């Protein structure tokens, strides 16, 4: 296994020991690949996914800026799905960055969610 990926998984396990999603404050788990960004809002108590979203979603791509940099797409993804989360009654989350560094697309997604009115 790649040592960089192994380190990320180790950081993720260390964080997940302390971070858990509740019905009042579910956990937003993020996965970053080379081409896209996926996230899901999880209630760990009930062990179910409340909302999942990606930069590859068709309804998101219809309104997303065309040929935008991945960082800008991540921010607009956060803004777009903040409205969807509020419609489902989710106003506060625990942000699980999954061991990724808090910069670039991960930070842009978080900023978009905050601008959309989600607290974490």
Protein backbone atom coordinates (compact mmCIF):
# COMPACT_ATOMS: atom_id res chain seq x y z
CA UNK A 1 0.00 0.00 0.00
CA UNK A 2 1.04 3.55 -0.65
CA UNK A 3 2.59 5.08 2.47
CA UNK A 4 0.71 8.35 1.92
CA UNK A 5 -2.63 6.52 1.78
CA UNK A 6 -1.65 4.40 4.79
CA UNK A 7 -0.89 7.58 6.77
CA UNK A 8 -4.24 9.08 5.78
CA UNK A 9 -6.08 5.96 6.91
CA UNK A 10 -4.18 5.98 10.20
CA UNK A 11 -5.11 9.63 10.81
CA UNK A 12 -8.72 8.82 9.93
CA UNK A 13 -8.89 5.98 12.48
CA UNK A 14 -7.40 8.22 15.15
CA UNK A 15 -10.00 10.91 14.52
CA UNK A 16 -12.92 8.47 14.30
CA UNK A 17 -12.22 7.24 17.83
CA UNK A 18 -13.40 10.62 19.10
CA UNK A 19 -15.82 11.78 16.38
CA UNK A 20 -19.30 10.32 16.05
CA UNK A 21 -22.55 11.42 14.46
CA UNK A 22 -25.74 11.79 16.49
CA UNK A 23 -29.31 12.47 15.36
CA UNK A 24 -28.95 16.12 16.46
CA UNK A 25 -25.47 16.56 14.95
CA UNK A 26 -24.75 13.98 12.23
CA UNK A 27 -21.27 13.37 10.86
CA UNK A 28 -20.31 14.59 7.39
CA UNK A 29 -17.76 12.15 5.98
CA UNK A 30 -15.74 13.24 2.94
CA UNK A 31 -13.88 11.22 0.31
CA UNK A 32 -11.59 12.89 -2.18
CA UNK A 33 -10.46 11.21 -5.38
CA UNK A 34 -8.36 12.58 -8.20
CA UNK A 35 -11.41 13.57 -10.26
CA UNK A 36 -14.29 14.03 -7.85
CA UNK A 37 -15.38 14.69 -4.30
CA UNK A 38 -17.99 12.61 -2.45
CA UNK A 39 -19.57 13.22 0.93
CA UNK A 40 -22.29 11.71 3.03
CA UNK A 41 -24.12 12.80 6.15
CA UNK A 42 -24.28 9.87 8.57
CA UNK A 43 -26.19 9.24 11.79
CA UNK A 44 -23.84 6.81 13.55
CA UNK A 45 -26.35 6.00 16.31
CA UNK A 46 -28.95 4.70 13.84
CA UNK A 47 -26.22 3.54 11.41
CA UNK A 48 -27.79 5.14 8.37
CA UNK A 49 -26.87 7.66 5.72
CA UNK A 50 -29.14 10.70 5.71
CA UNK A 51 -27.83 12.42 2.56
CA UNK A 52 -25.07 11.58 0.12
CA UNK A 53 -23.71 13.88 -2.55
CA UNK A 54 -20.94 14.11 -5.08
CA UNK A 55 -19.50 16.39 -7.72
CA UNK A 56 -20.74 13.78 -10.21
CA UNK A 57 -24.45 14.10 -9.28
CA UNK A 58 -26.57 14.95 -12.31
CA UNK A 59 -28.77 17.50 -10.53
CA UNK A 60 -25.68 19.28 -9.19
CA UNK A 61 -23.93 19.29 -12.57
CA UNK A 62 -26.93 20.98 -14.21
CA UNK A 63 -26.42 24.11 -12.12
CA UNK A 64 -22.65 23.86 -11.51
CA UNK A 65 -20.28 26.25 -13.29
CA UNK A 66 -18.99 24.70 -16.51
CA UNK A 67 -15.26 23.97 -16.84
CA UNK A 68 -14.59 25.33 -13.37
CA UNK A 69 -11.54 24.29 -11.33
CA UNK A 70 -12.13 21.41 -8.92
CA UNK A 71 -11.76 23.75 -5.95
CA UNK A 72 -14.58 26.00 -7.20
CA UNK A 73 -16.76 22.95 -7.86
CA UNK A 74 -16.20 21.80 -4.27
CA UNK A 75 -17.33 25.17 -2.90
CA UNK A 76 -20.43 25.27 -5.08
CA UNK A 77 -21.16 21.66 -4.04
CA UNK A 78 -21.14 22.79 -0.41
CA UNK A 79 -23.46 25.71 -1.14
CA UNK A 80 -25.86 23.57 -3.18
CA UNK A 81 -26.15 20.77 -0.65
CA UNK A 82 -26.35 23.08 2.35
CA UNK A 83 -29.83 24.00 1.07
CA UNK A 84 -30.73 20.31 0.69
CA UNK A 85 -29.50 19.59 4.22
CA UNK A 86 -31.54 22.45 5.67
CA UNK A 87 -34.63 21.13 3.88
CA UNK A 88 -34.10 17.80 5.67
CA UNK A 89 -33.76 19.58 9.02
CA UNK A 90 -29.98 19.33 9.37
CA UNK A 91 -28.46 22.59 10.55
CA UNK A 92 -25.36 21.39 12.45
CA UNK A 93 -22.85 18.66 11.58
CA UNK A 94 -19.59 17.16 12.77
CA UNK A 95 -17.07 17.52 9.92
CA UNK A 96 -15.08 14.32 9.34
CA UNK A 97 -12.32 15.13 6.87
CA UNK A 98 -11.29 11.43 6.79
CA UNK A 99 -7.61 12.08 7.43
CA UNK A 100 -7.24 14.49 4.50
CA UNK A 101 -5.48 17.77 5.18
CA UNK A 102 -7.79 20.73 5.70
CA UNK A 103 -6.89 22.65 2.56
CA UNK A 104 -7.78 22.75 -1.11
CA UNK A 105 -11.03 21.01 -2.04
CA UNK A 106 -11.78 19.84 1.53
CA UNK A 107 -11.52 23.40 2.83
CA UNK A 108 -13.56 24.75 -0.11
CA UNK A 109 -16.35 22.25 0.60
CA UNK A 110 -16.38 23.26 4.28
CA UNK A 111 -16.49 26.96 3.39
CA UNK A 112 -19.38 26.36 1.00
CA UNK A 113 -21.34 24.53 3.68
CA UNK A 114 -20.68 27.32 6.19
CA UNK A 115 -21.80 29.97 3.70
CA UNK A 116 -24.94 27.92 3.15
CA UNK A 117 -25.74 28.15 6.88
CA UNK A 118 -24.55 24.78 8.20
CA UNK A 119 -22.74 24.97 11.55
CA UNK A 120 -19.76 22.84 12.57
